[in-house]
Amino acid sequence: MFSTGQLIFALFFVVAFTSIIILMYRKDAKGHKIHYSGSYKILIGFILAIVALFLIKVFVH
């Protein structure tokens, strides 16, 4: 289905992409702690809103 060259390229791409993402995340980790310190509250709010919509759908329908 795929040629040998395509498989080698895909393997190289996945390894390179993953390593670059990990390196960039480590570099930005300090900034994330400073600028996004209260973001978990937003996440909890979104989850609660989705659960509320689901409950409304279950009980009204």
PDB file of N, CA and C in Angstrom:
ATOM      1  N   MET A   1       0.828  -1.187   0.000  1.00  0.00           N
ATOM      2  CA  MET A   1       0.000   0.000   0.000  1.00  0.00           C
ATOM      3  C   MET A   1       0.874   1.252   0.000  1.00  0.00           C
ATOM      4  N   PHE A   2       1.888   1.297   0.849  1.00  0.00           N
ATOM      5  CA  PHE A   2       2.831   2.409   0.866  1.00  0.00           C
ATOM      6  C   PHE A   2       4.191   1.897   0.439  1.00  0.00           C
ATOM      7  N   SER A   3       4.929   2.756  -0.236  1.00  0.00           N
ATOM      8  CA  SER A   3       6.281   2.353  -0.631  1.00  0.00           C
ATOM      9  C   SER A   3       7.222   2.470   0.571  1.00  0.00           C
ATOM     10  N   THR A   4       8.387   1.885   0.438  1.00  0.00           N
ATOM     11  CA  THR A   4       9.367   1.918   1.523  1.00  0.00           C
ATOM     12  C   THR A   4       9.777   3.357   1.836  1.00  0.00           C
ATOM     13  N   GLY A   5       9.957   4.161   0.801  1.00  0.00           N
ATOM     14  CA  GLY A   5      10.335   5.562   1.003  1.00  0.00           C
ATOM     15  C   GLY A   5       9.266   6.339   1.760  1.00  0.00           C
ATOM     16  N   GLN A   6       8.001   6.070   1.453  1.00  0.00           N
ATOM     17  CA  GLN A   6       6.912   6.749   2.155  1.00  0.00           C
ATOM     18  C   GLN A   6       6.875   6.352   3.630  1.00  0.00           C
ATOM     19  N   LEU A   7       7.090   5.086   3.928  1.00  0.00           N
ATOM     20  CA  LEU A   7       7.102   4.624   5.315  1.00  0.00           C
ATOM     21  C   LEU A   7       8.263   5.222   6.089  1.00  0.00           C
ATOM     22  N   ILE A   8       9.440   5.303   5.457  1.00  0.00           N
ATOM     23  CA  ILE A   8      10.599   5.914   6.116  1.00  0.00           C
ATOM     24  C   ILE A   8      10.327   7.388   6.384  1.00  0.00           C
ATOM     25  N   PHE A   9       9.761   8.086   5.400  1.00  0.00           N
ATOM     26  CA  PHE A   9       9.437   9.494   5.584  1.00  0.00           C
ATOM     27  C   PHE A   9       8.420   9.682   6.708  1.00  0.00           C
ATOM     28  N   ALA A  10       7.397   8.840   6.741  1.00  0.00           N
ATOM     29  CA  ALA A  10       6.377   8.950   7.788  1.00  0.00           C
ATOM     30  C   ALA A  10       6.987   8.720   9.164  1.00  0.00           C
ATOM     31  N   LEU A  11       7.841   7.736   9.288  1.00  0.00           N
ATOM     32  CA  LEU A  11       8.506   7.463  10.561  1.00  0.00           C
ATOM     33  C   LEU A  11       9.382   8.644  10.982  1.00  0.00           C
ATOM     34  N   PHE A  12      10.177   9.164  10.060  1.00  0.00           N
ATOM     35  CA  PHE A  12      11.015  10.325  10.352  1.00  0.00           C
ATOM     36  C   PHE A  12      10.169  11.520  10.755  1.00  0.00           C
ATOM     37  N   PHE A  13       9.092  11.751  10.036  1.00  0.00           N
ATOM     38  CA  PHE A  13       8.223  12.891  10.320  1.00  0.00           C
ATOM     39  C   PHE A  13       7.615  12.783  11.716  1.00  0.00           C
ATOM     40  N   VAL A  14       7.112  11.613  12.079  1.00  0.00           N
ATOM     41  CA  VAL A  14       6.488  11.428  13.394  1.00  0.00           C
ATOM     42  C   VAL A  14       7.507  11.645  14.505  1.00  0.00           C
ATOM     43  N   VAL A  15       8.697  11.094  14.352  1.00  0.00           N
ATOM     44  CA  VAL A  15       9.734  11.255  15.371  1.00  0.00           C
ATOM     45  C   VAL A  15      10.141  12.716  15.490  1.00  0.00           C
ATOM     46  N   ALA A  16      10.385  13.380  14.361  1.00  0.00           N
ATOM     47  CA  ALA A  16      10.810  14.780  14.385  1.00  0.00           C
ATOM     48  C   ALA A  16       9.705  15.674  14.950  1.00  0.00           C
ATOM     49  N   PHE A  17       8.478  15.477  14.515  1.00  0.00           N
ATOM     50  CA  PHE A  17       7.359  16.301  14.971  1.00  0.00           C
ATOM     51  C   PHE A  17       7.152  16.140  16.473  1.00  0.00           C
ATOM     52  N   THR A  18       7.177  14.908  16.953  1.00  0.00           N
ATOM     53  CA  THR A  18       6.972  14.658  18.377  1.00  0.00           C
ATOM     54  C   THR A  18       8.082  15.274  19.215  1.00  0.00           C
ATOM     55  N   SER A  19       9.313  15.141  18.775  1.00  0.00           N
ATOM     56  CA  SER A  19      10.422  15.709  19.544  1.00  0.00           C
ATOM     57  C   SER A  19      10.361  17.233  19.554  1.00  0.00           C
ATOM     58  N   ILE A  20       9.995  17.853  18.448  1.00  0.00           N
ATOM     59  CA  ILE A  20       9.882  19.313  18.411  1.00  0.00           C
ATOM     60  C   ILE A  20       8.755  19.792  19.311  1.00  0.00           C
ATOM     61  N   ILE A  21       7.628  19.094  19.303  1.00  0.00           N
ATOM     62  CA  ILE A  21       6.505  19.471  20.172  1.00  0.00           C
ATOM     63  C   ILE A  21       6.919  19.369  21.637  1.00  0.00           C
ATOM     64  N   ILE A  22       7.622  18.314  22.012  1.00  0.00           N
ATOM     65  CA  ILE A  22       8.060  18.147  23.406  1.00  0.00           C
ATOM     66  C   ILE A  22       9.029  19.255  23.796  1.00  0.00           C
ATOM     67  N   LEU A  23       9.992  19.555  22.937  1.00  0.00           N
ATOM     68  CA  LEU A  23      10.959  20.616  23.231  1.00  0.00           C
ATOM     69  C   LEU A  23      10.280  21.974  23.374  1.00  0.00           C
ATOM     70  N   MET A  24       9.349  22.292  22.499  1.00  0.00           N
ATOM     71  CA  MET A  24       8.665  23.579  22.569  1.00  0.00           C
ATOM     72  C   MET A  24       7.778  23.676  23.808  1.00  0.00           C
ATOM     73  N   TYR A  25       7.151  22.570  24.188  1.00  0.00           N
ATOM     74  CA  TYR A  25       6.329  22.592  25.398  1.00  0.00           C
ATOM     75  C   TYR A  25       7.196  22.841  26.633  1.00  0.00           C
ATOM     76  N   ARG A  26       8.340  22.193  26.700  1.00  0.00           N
ATOM     77  CA  ARG A  26       9.238  22.408  27.844  1.00  0.00           C
ATOM     78  C   ARG A  26       9.715  23.851  27.897  1.00  0.00           C
ATOM     79  N   LYS A  27       9.969  24.434  26.738  1.00  0.00           N
ATOM     80  CA  LYS A  27      10.427  25.819  26.668  1.00  0.00           C
ATOM     81  C   LYS A  27       9.344  26.784  27.154  1.00  0.00           C
ATOM     82  N   ASP A  28       8.087  26.496  26.836  1.00  0.00           N
ATOM     83  CA  ASP A  28       6.986  27.389  27.181  1.00  0.00           C
ATOM     84  C   ASP A  28       6.332  27.080  28.519  1.00  0.00           C
ATOM     85  N   ALA A  29       6.772  26.065  29.215  1.00  0.00           N
ATOM     86  CA  ALA A  29       6.107  25.632  30.446  1.00  0.00           C
ATOM     87  C   ALA A  29       6.097  26.725  31.507  1.00  0.00           C
ATOM     88  N   LYS A  30       7.176  27.482  31.636  1.00  0.00           N
ATOM     89  CA  LYS A  30       7.222  28.556  32.630  1.00  0.00           C
ATOM     90  C   LYS A  30       6.187  29.631  32.317  1.00  0.00           C
ATOM     91  N   GLY A  31       6.077  29.984  31.065  1.00  0.00           N
ATOM     92  CA  GLY A  31       5.097  30.990  30.657  1.00  0.00           C
ATOM     93  C   GLY A  31       3.669  30.534  30.861  1.00  0.00           C
ATOM     94  N   HIS A  32       3.425  29.244  30.681  1.00  0.00           N
ATOM     95  CA  HIS A  32       2.080  28.707  30.891  1.00  0.00           C
ATOM     96  C   HIS A  32       1.662  28.856  32.347  1.00  0.00           C
ATOM     97  N   LYS A  33       2.600  28.616  33.260  1.00  0.00           N
ATOM     98  CA  LYS A  33       2.277  28.737  34.682  1.00  0.00           C
ATOM     99  C   LYS A  33       1.947  30.178  35.054  1.00  0.00           C
ATOM    100  N   ILE A  34       2.586  31.132  34.405  1.00  0.00           N
ATOM    101  CA  ILE A  34       2.370  32.548  34.720  1.00  0.00           C
ATOM    102  C   ILE A  34       1.082  33.062  34.082  1.00  0.00           C
ATOM    103  N   HIS A  35       0.919  32.827  32.798  1.00  0.00           N
ATOM    104  CA  HIS A  35      -0.170  33.449  32.046  1.00  0.00           C
ATOM    105  C   HIS A  35      -1.484  32.677  32.099  1.00  0.00           C
ATOM    106  N   TYR A  36      -1.434  31.393  32.336  1.00  0.00           N
ATOM    107  CA  TYR A  36      -2.639  30.567  32.305  1.00  0.00           C
ATOM    108  C   TYR A  36      -2.892  29.887  33.643  1.00  0.00           C
ATOM    109  N   SER A  37      -2.597  30.567  34.729  1.00  0.00           N
ATOM    110  CA  SER A  37      -2.692  29.939  36.043  1.00  0.00           C
ATOM    111  C   SER A  37      -4.124  29.602  36.447  1.00  0.00           C
ATOM    112  N   GLY A  38      -5.118  30.361  36.012  1.00  0.00           N
ATOM    113  CA  GLY A  38      -6.498  30.098  36.407  1.00  0.00           C
ATOM    114  C   GLY A  38      -7.330  29.412  35.343  1.00  0.00           C
ATOM    115  N   SER A  39      -6.676  28.841  34.337  1.00  0.00           N
ATOM    116  CA  SER A  39      -7.414  28.273  33.215  1.00  0.00           C
ATOM    117  C   SER A  39      -8.206  27.023  33.591  1.00  0.00           C
ATOM    118  N   TYR A  40      -7.822  26.350  34.675  1.00  0.00           N
ATOM    119  CA  TYR A  40      -8.582  25.166  35.071  1.00  0.00           C
ATOM    120  C   TYR A  40     -10.016  25.533  35.458  1.00  0.00           C
ATOM    121  N   LYS A  41     -10.238  26.753  35.945  1.00  0.00           N
ATOM    122  CA  LYS A  41     -11.593  27.196  36.286  1.00  0.00           C
ATOM    123  C   LYS A  41     -12.462  27.291  35.027  1.00  0.00           C
ATOM    124  N   ILE A  42     -11.887  27.762  33.950  1.00  0.00           N
ATOM    125  CA  ILE A  42     -12.605  27.837  32.668  1.00  0.00           C
ATOM    126  C   ILE A  42     -12.954  26.438  32.195  1.00  0.00           C
ATOM    127  N   LEU A  43     -12.010  25.510  32.296  1.00  0.00           N
ATOM    128  CA  LEU A  43     -12.251  24.127  31.888  1.00  0.00           C
ATOM    129  C   LEU A  43     -13.376  23.505  32.702  1.00  0.00           C
ATOM    130  N   ILE A  44     -13.366  23.721  33.992  1.00  0.00           N
ATOM    131  CA  ILE A  44     -14.424  23.192  34.853  1.00  0.00           C
ATOM    132  C   ILE A  44     -15.768  23.796  34.464  1.00  0.00           C
ATOM    133  N   GLY A  45     -15.776  25.094  34.139  1.00  0.00           N
ATOM    134  CA  GLY A  45     -17.013  25.745  33.702  1.00  0.00           C
ATOM    135  C   GLY A  45     -17.559  25.137  32.422  1.00  0.00           C
ATOM    136  N   PHE A  46     -16.687  24.885  31.448  1.00  0.00           N
ATOM    137  CA  PHE A  46     -17.133  24.255  30.203  1.00  0.00           C
ATOM    138  C   PHE A  46     -17.681  22.857  30.458  1.00  0.00           C
ATOM    139  N   ILE A  47     -17.004  22.093  31.286  1.00  0.00           N
ATOM    140  CA  ILE A  47     -17.469  20.736  31.582  1.00  0.00           C
ATOM    141  C   ILE A  47     -18.824  20.767  32.276  1.00  0.00           C
ATOM    142  N   LEU A  48     -18.985  21.675  33.227  1.00  0.00           N
ATOM    143  CA  LEU A  48     -20.280  21.797  33.913  1.00  0.00           C
ATOM    144  C   LEU A  48     -21.388  22.217  32.955  1.00  0.00           C
ATOM    145  N   ALA A  49     -21.070  23.115  32.031  1.00  0.00           N
ATOM    146  CA  ALA A  49     -22.070  23.549  31.050  1.00  0.00           C
ATOM    147  C   ALA A  49     -22.489  22.392  30.148  1.00  0.00           C
ATOM    148  N   ILE A  50     -21.536  21.578  29.705  1.00  0.00           N
ATOM    149  CA  ILE A  50     -21.862  20.439  28.855  1.00  0.00           C
ATOM    150  C   ILE A  50     -22.686  19.418  29.625  1.00  0.00           C
ATOM    151  N   VAL A  51     -22.324  19.169  30.879  1.00  0.00           N
ATOM    152  CA  VAL A  51     -23.102  18.234  31.708  1.00  0.00           C
ATOM    153  C   VAL A  51     -24.515  18.774  31.918  1.00  0.00           C
ATOM    154  N   ALA A  52     -24.648  20.078  32.150  1.00  0.00           N
ATOM    155  CA  ALA A  52     -25.979  20.673  32.334  1.00  0.00           C
ATOM    156  C   ALA A  52     -26.820  20.511  31.071  1.00  0.00           C
ATOM    157  N   LEU A  53     -26.234  20.769  29.912  1.00  0.00           N
ATOM    158  CA  LEU A  53     -26.983  20.591  28.659  1.00  0.00           C
ATOM    159  C   LEU A  53     -27.396  19.134  28.468  1.00  0.00           C
ATOM    160  N   PHE A  54     -26.522  18.209  28.792  1.00  0.00           N
ATOM    161  CA  PHE A  54     -26.848  16.794  28.667  1.00  0.00           C
ATOM    162  C   PHE A  54     -27.986  16.430  29.606  1.00  0.00           C
ATOM    163  N   LEU A  55     -27.933  16.917  30.844  1.00  0.00           N
ATOM    164  CA  LEU A  55     -28.995  16.612  31.804  1.00  0.00           C
ATOM    165  C   LEU A  55     -30.319  17.209  31.365  1.00  0.00           C
ATOM    166  N   ILE A  56     -30.286  18.420  30.842  1.00  0.00           N
ATOM    167  CA  ILE A  56     -31.519  19.041  30.335  1.00  0.00           C
ATOM    168  C   ILE A  56     -32.092  18.193  29.208  1.00  0.00           C
ATOM    169  N   LYS A  57     -31.236  17.735  28.316  1.00  0.00           N
ATOM    170  CA  LYS A  57     -31.702  16.908  27.196  1.00  0.00           C
ATOM    171  C   LYS A  57     -32.326  15.610  27.696  1.00  0.00           C
ATOM    172  N   VAL A  58     -31.710  14.976  28.704  1.00  0.00           N
ATOM    173  CA  VAL A  58     -32.203  13.707  29.218  1.00  0.00           C
ATOM    174  C   VAL A  58     -33.543  13.887  29.914  1.00  0.00           C
ATOM    175  N   PHE A  59     -33.664  14.929  30.751  1.00  0.00           N
ATOM    176  CA  PHE A  59     -34.865  15.079  31.531  1.00  0.00           C
ATOM    177  C   PHE A  59     -36.027  15.725  30.786  1.00  0.00           C
ATOM    178  N   VAL A  60     -35.759  16.507  29.764  1.00  0.00           N
ATOM    179  CA  VAL A  60     -36.832  17.172  29.026  1.00  0.00           C
ATOM    180  C   VAL A  60     -37.347  16.293  27.894  1.00  0.00           C
ATOM    181  N   HIS A  61     -36.480  15.551  27.308  1.00  0.00           N
ATOM    182  CA  HIS A  61     -36.891  14.725  26.163  1.00  0.00           C
ATOM    183  C   HIS A  61     -37.446  13.470  26.687  1.00  0.00           C
TER     184      HIS A  61
END
